[in-house]
Structures are given as C-alpha cells and as structure tokens.
C-alpha cells in the first residue's frame, strides 16, 4: 500500500478489486458507472487523490467509497480493502 500520488482511476479500480481488468475498469468509467465527488467521470486516466469519494454503479450493487491509498499491483482482498473506506452500499 502506498500514498496516493497520481494513480489513474481505471488502474485504481483494478488494484482495489472493483474490476478484474483495466479494460473492464475503463468500460465502467466510459459507460458512466463511476462518479467522482458526485460528478460523472468518463475518463479512466483521471487522477485520484486521497479523500476522493467514488460512487460505483456495479452490476450487483451501488457502492460509495472514500479513496485512502493506492497500490502498484492487484493483491489479495485484504490488501485491496485497505485502499478505501466504504461509506455506503445498496
């Protein structure tokens, strides 16, 4: 786990285990299923910062998380869980 400097949104979705691959993460973003601080984001290259709030409209549920950190590689669920704080889900 590392401080969040300038990690791309699509890569963060993969390492945080919200998407299995970067191309699936890009599709989620491009199709409008991701909001950053309440505003729809359509660019997977958007940089994230610690404290950003993401709303993810995933196939199984809508989840709201606060970004805490980043990681270089996709790891276990336990490692991924340290990258964000769940604010709500439904």
N, C-alpha and C. Protein backbone atom coordinates (compact mmCIF):
# COMPACT_ATOMS: atom_id res chain seq x y z
N UNK A 1 0.86 -1.17 0.00
CA UNK A 1 0.00 0.00 0.00
C UNK A 1 0.90 1.23 0.00
N UNK A 2 0.52 2.24 -0.78
CA UNK A 2 1.32 3.44 -0.91
C UNK A 2 0.44 4.67 -0.82
N UNK A 3 1.09 5.79 -0.53
CA UNK A 3 0.38 7.05 -0.56
C UNK A 3 -0.17 7.27 -1.95
N UNK A 4 -1.31 7.87 -2.04
CA UNK A 4 -1.92 8.10 -3.34
C UNK A 4 -1.35 9.38 -3.92
N UNK A 5 -0.55 9.23 -4.97
CA UNK A 5 0.04 10.40 -5.61
C UNK A 5 -0.72 10.74 -6.87
N UNK A 6 -0.52 9.93 -7.89
CA UNK A 6 -1.15 10.25 -9.17
C UNK A 6 -1.59 8.97 -9.88
N UNK A 7 -2.32 8.14 -9.19
CA UNK A 7 -2.78 6.90 -9.81
C UNK A 7 -4.04 7.14 -10.63
N UNK A 8 -4.07 6.54 -11.81
CA UNK A 8 -5.22 6.65 -12.70
C UNK A 8 -6.43 5.96 -12.07
N UNK A 9 -7.60 6.51 -12.35
CA UNK A 9 -8.85 5.95 -11.86
C UNK A 9 -9.03 4.50 -12.30
N UNK A 10 -8.81 4.22 -13.59
CA UNK A 10 -9.03 2.85 -14.08
C UNK A 10 -8.08 1.85 -13.43
N UNK A 11 -6.83 2.24 -13.21
CA UNK A 11 -5.89 1.33 -12.55
C UNK A 11 -6.29 1.12 -11.08
N UNK A 12 -6.71 2.19 -10.42
CA UNK A 12 -7.12 2.06 -9.02
C UNK A 12 -8.30 1.11 -8.88
N UNK A 13 -9.26 1.17 -9.80
CA UNK A 13 -10.41 0.27 -9.75
C UNK A 13 -9.98 -1.19 -9.83
N UNK A 14 -8.90 -1.46 -10.56
CA UNK A 14 -8.38 -2.83 -10.67
C UNK A 14 -7.67 -3.24 -9.39
N UNK A 15 -6.74 -2.42 -8.89
CA UNK A 15 -5.99 -2.82 -7.70
C UNK A 15 -6.88 -2.85 -6.46
N UNK A 16 -7.97 -2.07 -6.45
CA UNK A 16 -8.92 -2.10 -5.34
C UNK A 16 -9.97 -3.20 -5.51
N UNK A 17 -9.86 -3.95 -6.60
CA UNK A 17 -10.68 -5.13 -6.88
C UNK A 17 -12.15 -4.81 -7.16
N UNK A 18 -12.40 -3.64 -7.76
CA UNK A 18 -13.75 -3.33 -8.23
C UNK A 18 -13.93 -3.77 -9.67
N UNK A 19 -12.81 -4.02 -10.37
CA UNK A 19 -12.84 -4.53 -11.75
C UNK A 19 -11.72 -5.54 -11.89
N UNK A 20 -11.94 -6.58 -12.70
CA UNK A 20 -10.94 -7.63 -12.85
C UNK A 20 -9.78 -7.22 -13.75
N UNK A 21 -10.06 -6.40 -14.75
CA UNK A 21 -9.02 -5.96 -15.68
C UNK A 21 -9.14 -4.46 -15.92
N UNK A 22 -8.06 -3.90 -16.45
CA UNK A 22 -8.07 -2.48 -16.73
C UNK A 22 -9.07 -2.15 -17.84
N UNK A 23 -9.21 -3.03 -18.81
CA UNK A 23 -10.18 -2.75 -19.88
C UNK A 23 -11.62 -2.77 -19.34
N UNK A 24 -11.92 -3.65 -18.40
CA UNK A 24 -13.25 -3.65 -17.78
C UNK A 24 -13.45 -2.38 -16.94
N UNK A 25 -12.39 -1.95 -16.26
CA UNK A 25 -12.46 -0.72 -15.48
C UNK A 25 -12.70 0.48 -16.40
N UNK A 26 -12.01 0.52 -17.53
CA UNK A 26 -12.21 1.60 -18.49
C UNK A 26 -13.64 1.60 -19.01
N UNK A 27 -14.19 0.42 -19.27
CA UNK A 27 -15.57 0.33 -19.75
C UNK A 27 -16.55 0.85 -18.70
N UNK A 28 -16.34 0.51 -17.43
CA UNK A 28 -17.20 1.02 -16.36
C UNK A 28 -17.21 2.54 -16.36
N UNK A 29 -16.01 3.12 -16.48
CA UNK A 29 -15.89 4.57 -16.45
C UNK A 29 -16.53 5.19 -17.69
N UNK A 30 -16.18 4.68 -18.86
CA UNK A 30 -16.68 5.25 -20.12
C UNK A 30 -18.20 5.13 -20.25
N UNK A 31 -18.79 4.11 -19.65
CA UNK A 31 -20.24 3.91 -19.72
C UNK A 31 -20.99 4.71 -18.66
N UNK A 32 -20.25 5.50 -17.86
CA UNK A 32 -20.89 6.38 -16.90
C UNK A 32 -21.27 5.75 -15.58
N UNK A 33 -20.65 4.63 -15.23
CA UNK A 33 -20.99 3.94 -13.98
C UNK A 33 -20.17 4.42 -12.79
N UNK A 34 -19.32 5.43 -12.99
CA UNK A 34 -18.46 5.92 -11.91
C UNK A 34 -18.65 7.42 -11.75
N UNK A 35 -18.84 7.83 -10.50
CA UNK A 35 -18.91 9.26 -10.17
C UNK A 35 -17.77 9.58 -9.20
N UNK A 36 -17.17 10.73 -9.40
CA UNK A 36 -16.10 11.22 -8.53
C UNK A 36 -16.61 12.47 -7.85
N UNK A 37 -16.73 12.42 -6.54
CA UNK A 37 -17.27 13.53 -5.75
C UNK A 37 -18.61 14.01 -6.32
N UNK A 38 -19.45 13.04 -6.72
CA UNK A 38 -20.80 13.35 -7.18
C UNK A 38 -20.93 13.70 -8.65
N UNK A 39 -19.81 13.79 -9.37
CA UNK A 39 -19.85 14.15 -10.79
C UNK A 39 -19.44 12.96 -11.64
N UNK A 40 -20.22 12.68 -12.68
CA UNK A 40 -19.91 11.56 -13.57
C UNK A 40 -18.55 11.77 -14.21
N UNK A 41 -17.76 10.70 -14.24
CA UNK A 41 -16.43 10.72 -14.84
C UNK A 41 -16.46 9.77 -16.03
N UNK A 42 -15.92 10.21 -17.17
CA UNK A 42 -15.88 9.34 -18.34
C UNK A 42 -14.47 9.13 -18.86
N UNK A 43 -13.47 9.58 -18.09
CA UNK A 43 -12.07 9.46 -18.49
C UNK A 43 -11.33 8.61 -17.46
N UNK A 44 -10.95 7.39 -17.86
CA UNK A 44 -10.24 6.49 -16.96
C UNK A 44 -8.87 6.98 -16.55
N UNK A 45 -8.32 7.94 -17.29
CA UNK A 45 -6.99 8.48 -16.97
C UNK A 45 -7.05 9.53 -15.87
N UNK A 46 -8.24 9.86 -15.42
CA UNK A 46 -8.40 10.86 -14.35
C UNK A 46 -7.60 10.43 -13.13
N UNK A 47 -6.84 11.35 -12.55
CA UNK A 47 -6.01 11.05 -11.39
C UNK A 47 -6.84 11.13 -10.11
N UNK A 48 -6.57 10.19 -9.21
CA UNK A 48 -7.27 10.16 -7.92
C UNK A 48 -6.38 10.73 -6.83
N UNK A 49 -7.01 11.28 -5.80
CA UNK A 49 -6.31 11.76 -4.62
C UNK A 49 -6.95 11.14 -3.38
N UNK A 50 -6.17 11.02 -2.34
CA UNK A 50 -6.72 10.52 -1.08
C UNK A 50 -7.86 11.44 -0.65
N UNK A 51 -8.95 10.86 -0.21
CA UNK A 51 -10.10 11.63 0.21
C UNK A 51 -11.18 11.75 -0.85
N UNK A 52 -10.85 11.43 -2.11
CA UNK A 52 -11.86 11.46 -3.17
C UNK A 52 -12.96 10.45 -2.84
N UNK A 53 -14.19 10.79 -3.16
CA UNK A 53 -15.32 9.89 -2.93
C UNK A 53 -15.81 9.39 -4.28
N UNK A 54 -15.83 8.06 -4.43
CA UNK A 54 -16.29 7.42 -5.66
C UNK A 54 -17.63 6.74 -5.42
N UNK A 55 -18.55 6.92 -6.34
CA UNK A 55 -19.80 6.18 -6.36
C UNK A 55 -19.73 5.24 -7.54
N UNK A 56 -19.80 3.95 -7.27
CA UNK A 56 -19.63 2.92 -8.29
C UNK A 56 -20.95 2.18 -8.48
N UNK A 57 -21.53 2.32 -9.67
CA UNK A 57 -22.77 1.61 -10.00
C UNK A 57 -22.36 0.30 -10.66
N UNK A 58 -22.12 -0.70 -9.83
CA UNK A 58 -21.67 -2.01 -10.30
C UNK A 58 -22.88 -2.89 -10.60
N UNK A 59 -22.70 -3.96 -11.36
CA UNK A 59 -23.83 -4.82 -11.72
C UNK A 59 -24.60 -5.38 -10.52
N UNK A 60 -23.91 -5.67 -9.42
CA UNK A 60 -24.57 -6.29 -8.27
C UNK A 60 -25.02 -5.30 -7.21
N UNK A 61 -24.47 -4.08 -7.21
CA UNK A 61 -24.83 -3.09 -6.19
C UNK A 61 -24.19 -1.75 -6.51
N UNK A 62 -24.71 -0.71 -5.89
CA UNK A 62 -24.07 0.60 -5.97
C UNK A 62 -23.32 0.79 -4.66
N UNK A 63 -22.05 1.17 -4.78
CA UNK A 63 -21.18 1.31 -3.62
C UNK A 63 -20.55 2.69 -3.60
N UNK A 64 -20.47 3.30 -2.42
CA UNK A 64 -19.82 4.59 -2.25
C UNK A 64 -18.61 4.37 -1.36
N UNK A 65 -17.43 4.79 -1.85
CA UNK A 65 -16.19 4.59 -1.11
C UNK A 65 -15.37 5.87 -1.08
N UNK A 66 -14.56 6.02 -0.03
CA UNK A 66 -13.59 7.11 0.06
C UNK A 66 -12.21 6.50 -0.20
N UNK A 67 -11.49 7.07 -1.14
CA UNK A 67 -10.16 6.59 -1.51
C UNK A 67 -9.18 6.93 -0.39
N UNK A 68 -8.41 5.93 0.07
CA UNK A 68 -7.43 6.14 1.13
C UNK A 68 -6.00 6.02 0.63
N UNK A 69 -5.73 5.10 -0.29
CA UNK A 69 -4.35 4.84 -0.73
C UNK A 69 -4.37 4.16 -2.09
N UNK A 70 -3.18 3.86 -2.60
CA UNK A 70 -3.06 3.16 -3.88
C UNK A 70 -2.12 1.98 -3.72
N UNK A 71 -2.01 1.18 -4.76
CA UNK A 71 -1.09 0.04 -4.79
C UNK A 71 -0.61 -0.12 -6.21
N UNK A 72 0.58 -0.67 -6.37
CA UNK A 72 1.13 -0.87 -7.71
C UNK A 72 0.50 -2.06 -8.41
N UNK A 73 0.23 -3.12 -7.64
CA UNK A 73 -0.29 -4.36 -8.22
C UNK A 73 -1.57 -4.77 -7.52
N UNK A 74 -2.36 -5.55 -8.23
CA UNK A 74 -3.57 -6.12 -7.66
C UNK A 74 -3.15 -7.19 -6.66
N UNK A 75 -3.64 -7.09 -5.44
CA UNK A 75 -3.28 -8.05 -4.41
C UNK A 75 -4.50 -8.78 -3.90
N UNK A 76 -4.38 -9.29 -2.71
CA UNK A 76 -5.48 -10.02 -2.09
C UNK A 76 -6.62 -9.06 -1.73
N UNK A 77 -7.76 -9.64 -1.41
CA UNK A 77 -8.90 -8.83 -1.00
C UNK A 77 -8.55 -8.01 0.24
N UNK A 78 -7.83 -8.62 1.18
CA UNK A 78 -7.46 -7.92 2.42
C UNK A 78 -6.60 -6.70 2.13
N UNK A 79 -5.67 -6.83 1.21
CA UNK A 79 -4.81 -5.69 0.83
C UNK A 79 -5.66 -4.63 0.12
N UNK A 80 -6.50 -5.06 -0.80
CA UNK A 80 -7.35 -4.12 -1.54
C UNK A 80 -8.27 -3.36 -0.60
N UNK A 81 -8.78 -4.01 0.40
CA UNK A 81 -9.72 -3.40 1.35
C UNK A 81 -9.10 -2.23 2.11
N UNK A 82 -7.77 -2.21 2.21
CA UNK A 82 -7.07 -1.12 2.89
C UNK A 82 -6.97 0.14 2.03
N UNK A 83 -7.33 0.04 0.76
CA UNK A 83 -7.20 1.16 -0.17
C UNK A 83 -8.39 2.12 -0.11
N UNK A 84 -9.47 1.70 0.55
CA UNK A 84 -10.68 2.53 0.58
C UNK A 84 -11.48 2.29 1.85
N UNK A 85 -12.39 3.22 2.10
CA UNK A 85 -13.33 3.12 3.21
C UNK A 85 -14.73 3.11 2.61
N UNK A 86 -15.53 2.14 2.96
CA UNK A 86 -16.90 2.05 2.44
C UNK A 86 -17.77 3.06 3.19
N UNK A 87 -18.43 3.92 2.45
CA UNK A 87 -19.32 4.91 3.04
C UNK A 87 -20.77 4.49 2.95
N UNK A 88 -21.07 3.64 1.97
CA UNK A 88 -22.44 3.16 1.81
C UNK A 88 -22.54 2.19 0.66
N UNK A 89 -23.54 1.35 0.69
CA UNK A 89 -23.78 0.43 -0.42
C UNK A 89 -25.26 0.08 -0.45
N UNK A 90 -25.66 -0.39 -1.62
CA UNK A 90 -27.07 -0.70 -1.72
C UNK A 90 -27.40 -1.57 -2.86
